[in-house]
Amino acid sequence: MSGKYVTSCLACTIRNDLVLMVKQADGYWGGRWILPGGKLELGESLEDCAARECYEETNVKVAVSRQVKAYVSHDPNTEWDKQVLLICFEAQYLSGFPTVGQGVTGAKWIALNKVKEMNWRDQEVPDIILRMITDTLASRDQARSAEPR
């Protein structure tokens, strides 16, 4: 069963109504726009994985602020015979300008209202990625409303 289960950490970085996204080069989401992220390395913390993968794929440094939610992705009707645990983290922009990095063919800030349109149009953004962005926004709004005034 080695290789059948994978843990991936993703960084959802939202800044000025823009979200940092990458165009996956290959694999299950090849050619589609997703959040930067990737496989957890042995001995690595979940937060460090999300920040590292974001930097490797976009050349943008982020600080992971908190875990939003975990998701499970499995599609038995594909050649990708594995189940992936996707852990989404909210991240804060620190520095850098999006440039194409490892395993991606695009890296850029995309307007939040455009992401939903890209999901509707030919699934350029997978449903689960749109859900991660929506959940991050809701979680962020909930955390802000709970702050003392």
C-alpha atoms as a PDB file:
ATOM      1  CA  MET A   1       0.000   0.000   0.000  1.00  0.00           C
ATOM      2  CA  SER A   2       2.996   2.291  -0.110  1.00  0.00           C
ATOM      3  CA  GLY A   3       2.231   5.460  -2.034  1.00  0.00           C
ATOM      4  CA  LYS A   4      -1.544   5.034  -1.842  1.00  0.00           C
ATOM      5  CA  TYR A   5      -2.027   7.807   0.724  1.00  0.00           C
ATOM      6  CA  VAL A   6      -0.508  11.251   0.434  1.00  0.00           C
ATOM      7  CA  THR A   7      -0.683  14.293   2.702  1.00  0.00           C
ATOM      8  CA  SER A   8      -0.458  17.660   0.979  1.00  0.00           C
ATOM      9  CA  CYS A   9      -0.462  21.120   2.533  1.00  0.00           C
ATOM     10  CA  LEU A  10      -1.730  24.171   0.662  1.00  0.00           C
ATOM     11  CA  ALA A  11      -1.337  27.886   1.356  1.00  0.00           C
ATOM     12  CA  CYS A  12      -4.358  30.106   0.743  1.00  0.00           C
ATOM     13  CA  THR A  13      -2.917  33.615   0.586  1.00  0.00           C
ATOM     14  CA  ILE A  14      -5.503  36.348   0.062  1.00  0.00           C
ATOM     15  CA  ARG A  15      -4.385  39.942  -0.288  1.00  0.00           C
ATOM     16  CA  ASN A  16      -6.385  42.953  -1.534  1.00  0.00           C
ATOM     17  CA  ASP A  17      -9.177  40.716  -2.919  1.00  0.00           C
ATOM     18  CA  LEU A  18      -6.610  38.631  -4.812  1.00  0.00           C
ATOM     19  CA  VAL A  19      -5.618  35.025  -4.159  1.00  0.00           C
ATOM     20  CA  LEU A  20      -2.205  33.564  -4.976  1.00  0.00           C
ATOM     21  CA  MET A  21      -2.617  30.627  -7.371  1.00  0.00           C
ATOM     22  CA  VAL A  22      -0.501  28.340  -9.546  1.00  0.00           C
ATOM     23  CA  LYS A  23      -1.205  26.461 -12.766  1.00  0.00           C
ATOM     24  CA  GLN A  24      -0.311  22.819 -12.122  1.00  0.00           C
ATOM     25  CA  ALA A  25       2.136  21.413 -14.702  1.00  0.00           C
ATOM     26  CA  ASP A  26       1.014  17.787 -14.613  1.00  0.00           C
ATOM     27  CA  GLY A  27      -0.617  15.169 -12.447  1.00  0.00           C
ATOM     28  CA  TYR A  28      -4.259  14.943 -11.466  1.00  0.00           C
ATOM     29  CA  TRP A  29      -4.807  18.713 -11.717  1.00  0.00           C
ATOM     30  CA  GLY A  30      -2.425  19.278 -14.626  1.00  0.00           C
ATOM     31  CA  GLY A  31      -3.287  22.441 -16.546  1.00  0.00           C
ATOM     32  CA  ARG A  32      -5.637  23.730 -13.843  1.00  0.00           C
ATOM     33  CA  TRP A  33      -5.289  26.608 -11.386  1.00  0.00           C
ATOM     34  CA  ILE A  34      -4.906  25.577  -7.747  1.00  0.00           C
ATOM     35  CA  LEU A  35      -3.506  26.902  -4.489  1.00  0.00           C
ATOM     36  CA  PRO A  36       0.259  26.496  -4.078  1.00  0.00           C
ATOM     37  CA  GLY A  37       1.099  23.419  -2.081  1.00  0.00           C
ATOM     38  CA  GLY A  38       2.416  19.904  -2.151  1.00  0.00           C
ATOM     39  CA  LYS A  39       3.496  16.781  -0.396  1.00  0.00           C
ATOM     40  CA  LEU A  40       4.530  16.719   3.224  1.00  0.00           C
ATOM     41  CA  GLU A  41       8.160  15.650   3.634  1.00  0.00           C
ATOM     42  CA  LEU A  42       9.281  13.230   6.338  1.00  0.00           C
ATOM     43  CA  GLY A  43       9.802  15.106   9.627  1.00  0.00           C
ATOM     44  CA  GLU A  44       8.334  18.368   8.327  1.00  0.00           C
ATOM     45  CA  SER A  45       5.556  20.235  10.124  1.00  0.00           C
ATOM     46  CA  LEU A  46       2.320  20.842   8.251  1.00  0.00           C
ATOM     47  CA  GLU A  47       2.776  24.612   8.450  1.00  0.00           C
ATOM     48  CA  ASP A  48       6.378  24.451   7.209  1.00  0.00           C
ATOM     49  CA  CYS A  49       5.255  22.286   4.292  1.00  0.00           C
ATOM     50  CA  ALA A  50       2.628  24.817   3.182  1.00  0.00           C
ATOM     51  CA  ALA A  51       5.088  27.734   3.376  1.00  0.00           C
ATOM     52  CA  ARG A  52       7.905  25.798   1.660  1.00  0.00           C
ATOM     53  CA  GLU A  53       5.718  24.567  -1.176  1.00  0.00           C
ATOM     54  CA  CYS A  54       4.319  28.066  -1.717  1.00  0.00           C
ATOM     55  CA  TYR A  55       7.831  29.480  -2.030  1.00  0.00           C
ATOM     56  CA  GLU A  56       9.065  26.646  -4.274  1.00  0.00           C
ATOM     57  CA  GLU A  57       6.134  27.064  -6.652  1.00  0.00           C
ATOM     58  CA  THR A  58       5.747  30.874  -6.676  1.00  0.00           C
ATOM     59  CA  ASN A  59       8.881  32.518  -5.221  1.00  0.00           C
ATOM     60  CA  VAL A  60       6.536  34.244  -2.753  1.00  0.00           C
ATOM     61  CA  LYS A  61       7.300  34.025   0.966  1.00  0.00           C
ATOM     62  CA  VAL A  62       4.329  33.587   3.260  1.00  0.00           C
ATOM     63  CA  ALA A  63       3.717  33.140   6.968  1.00  0.00           C
ATOM     64  CA  VAL A  64       1.194  30.429   7.747  1.00  0.00           C
ATOM     65  CA  SER A  65      -1.267  31.821  10.263  1.00  0.00           C
ATOM     66  CA  ARG A  66      -3.681  28.961  10.905  1.00  0.00           C
ATOM     67  CA  GLN A  67      -5.216  25.780   9.592  1.00  0.00           C
ATOM     68  CA  VAL A  68      -8.548  26.344   7.858  1.00  0.00           C
ATOM     69  CA  LYS A  69      -9.743  22.803   7.202  1.00  0.00           C
ATOM     70  CA  ALA A  70      -8.706  19.364   5.945  1.00  0.00           C
ATOM     71  CA  TYR A  71     -10.204  17.826   2.803  1.00  0.00           C
ATOM     72  CA  VAL A  72      -9.991  14.372   1.246  1.00  0.00           C
ATOM     73  CA  SER A  73      -9.566  13.930  -2.487  1.00  0.00           C
ATOM     74  CA  HIS A  74     -10.002  10.554  -4.137  1.00  0.00           C
ATOM     75  CA  ASP A  75     -11.203   9.802  -7.638  1.00  0.00           C
ATOM     76  CA  PRO A  76     -11.350   6.054  -8.327  1.00  0.00           C
ATOM     77  CA  ASN A  77     -12.060   6.713 -12.008  1.00  0.00           C
ATOM     78  CA  THR A  78      -8.576   8.001 -12.802  1.00  0.00           C
ATOM     79  CA  GLU A  79      -5.102   6.584 -13.247  1.00  0.00           C
ATOM     80  CA  TRP A  80      -4.105   8.354 -10.003  1.00  0.00           C
ATOM     81  CA  ASP A  81      -4.721   5.442  -7.645  1.00  0.00           C
ATOM     82  CA  LYS A  82      -4.301   7.258  -4.363  1.00  0.00           C
ATOM     83  CA  GLN A  83      -6.203   9.185  -1.763  1.00  0.00           C
ATOM     84  CA  VAL A  84      -4.899  12.633  -0.878  1.00  0.00           C
ATOM     85  CA  LEU A  85      -5.414  14.433   2.415  1.00  0.00           C
ATOM     86  CA  LEU A  86      -5.328  18.140   1.569  1.00  0.00           C
ATOM     87  CA  ILE A  87      -4.744  20.468   4.497  1.00  0.00           C
ATOM     88  CA  CYS A  88      -5.534  24.099   3.730  1.00  0.00           C
ATOM     89  CA  PHE A  89      -3.804  26.857   5.676  1.00  0.00           C
ATOM     90  CA  GLU A  90      -4.467  30.564   5.649  1.00  0.00           C
ATOM     91  CA  ALA A  91      -1.218  32.372   4.929  1.00  0.00           C
ATOM     92  CA  GLN A  92      -0.113  35.990   5.057  1.00  0.00           C
ATOM     93  CA  TYR A  93       1.976  37.522   2.279  1.00  0.00           C
ATOM     94  CA  LEU A  94       5.503  38.482   3.364  1.00  0.00           C
ATOM     95  CA  SER A  95       7.493  39.204   0.189  1.00  0.00           C
ATOM     96  CA  GLY A  96       8.198  38.304  -3.400  1.00  0.00           C
ATOM     97  CA  PHE A  97       6.537  38.500  -6.777  1.00  0.00           C
ATOM     98  CA  PRO A  98       4.841  35.426  -8.246  1.00  0.00           C
ATOM     99  CA  THR A  99       7.090  33.688 -10.759  1.00  0.00           C
ATOM    100  CA  VAL A 100       6.866  30.176 -12.167  1.00  0.00           C
ATOM    101  CA  GLY A 101       8.595  27.694  -9.900  1.00  0.00           C
ATOM    102  CA  GLN A 102       8.796  23.939  -9.440  1.00  0.00           C
ATOM    103  CA  GLY A 103       6.004  21.815 -10.901  1.00  0.00           C
ATOM    104  CA  VAL A 104       3.917  24.706 -12.214  1.00  0.00           C
ATOM    105  CA  THR A 105       3.507  26.527 -15.517  1.00  0.00           C
ATOM    106  CA  GLY A 106       1.916  29.667 -14.084  1.00  0.00           C
ATOM    107  CA  ALA A 107       1.927  31.666 -10.850  1.00  0.00           C
ATOM    108  CA  LYS A 108      -0.074  34.825 -10.249  1.00  0.00           C
ATOM    109  CA  TRP A 109      -2.488  36.771  -8.101  1.00  0.00           C
ATOM    110  CA  ILE A 110      -6.056  36.214  -9.331  1.00  0.00           C
ATOM    111  CA  ALA A 111      -9.071  38.348  -8.399  1.00  0.00           C
ATOM    112  CA  LEU A 112     -11.408  36.466  -6.061  1.00  0.00           C
ATOM    113  CA  ASN A 113     -14.428  37.169  -8.279  1.00  0.00           C
ATOM    114  CA  LYS A 114     -12.513  35.768 -11.289  1.00  0.00           C
ATOM    115  CA  VAL A 115     -11.751  32.470  -9.492  1.00  0.00           C
ATOM    116  CA  LYS A 116     -15.453  31.562  -9.317  1.00  0.00           C
ATOM    117  CA  GLU A 117     -15.805  32.329 -13.032  1.00  0.00           C
ATOM    118  CA  MET A 118     -12.770  30.124 -13.775  1.00  0.00           C
ATOM    119  CA  ASN A 119     -14.445  27.307 -11.818  1.00  0.00           C
ATOM    120  CA  TRP A 120     -17.624  27.553 -13.889  1.00  0.00           C
ATOM    121  CA  ARG A 121     -15.718  27.760 -17.178  1.00  0.00           C
ATOM    122  CA  ASP A 122     -14.257  24.329 -17.961  1.00  0.00           C
ATOM    123  CA  GLN A 123     -13.277  23.690 -14.337  1.00  0.00           C
ATOM    124  CA  GLU A 124     -10.074  25.748 -14.700  1.00  0.00           C
ATOM    125  CA  VAL A 125     -10.236  25.876 -10.902  1.00  0.00           C
ATOM    126  CA  PRO A 126     -11.320  22.537  -9.359  1.00  0.00           C
ATOM    127  CA  ASP A 127     -14.395  22.548  -7.093  1.00  0.00           C
ATOM    128  CA  ILE A 128     -12.385  21.528  -4.029  1.00  0.00           C
ATOM    129  CA  ILE A 129      -9.951  24.438  -4.525  1.00  0.00           C
ATOM    130  CA  LEU A 130     -12.845  26.906  -4.834  1.00  0.00           C
ATOM    131  CA  ARG A 131     -14.263  25.413  -1.623  1.00  0.00           C
ATOM    132  CA  MET A 132     -10.894  25.928   0.139  1.00  0.00           C
ATOM    133  CA  ILE A 133     -10.830  29.593  -0.873  1.00  0.00           C
ATOM    134  CA  THR A 134     -14.458  30.096   0.190  1.00  0.00           C
ATOM    135  CA  ASP A 135     -13.824  28.344   3.517  1.00  0.00           C
ATOM    136  CA  THR A 136     -10.712  30.463   4.112  1.00  0.00           C
ATOM    137  CA  LEU A 137     -12.672  33.672   3.536  1.00  0.00           C
ATOM    138  CA  ALA A 138     -15.487  32.537   5.839  1.00  0.00           C
ATOM    139  CA  SER A 139     -13.050  31.428   8.524  1.00  0.00           C
ATOM    140  CA  ARG A 140     -11.132  34.705   8.292  1.00  0.00           C
ATOM    141  CA  ASP A 141     -14.342  36.736   8.569  1.00  0.00           C
ATOM    142  CA  GLN A 142     -15.460  34.653  11.560  1.00  0.00           C
ATOM    143  CA  ALA A 143     -12.099  35.154  13.299  1.00  0.00           C
ATOM    144  CA  ARG A 144     -12.242  38.917  12.692  1.00  0.00           C
ATOM    145  CA  SER A 145     -15.762  39.201  14.083  1.00  0.00           C
ATOM    146  CA  ALA A 146     -14.679  37.330  17.233  1.00  0.00           C
ATOM    147  CA  GLU A 147     -11.842  39.810  17.926  1.00  0.00           C
ATOM    148  CA  PRO A 148     -12.441  42.217  20.819  1.00  0.00           C
ATOM    149  CA  ARG A 149     -13.269  45.732  19.721  1.00  0.00           C
END
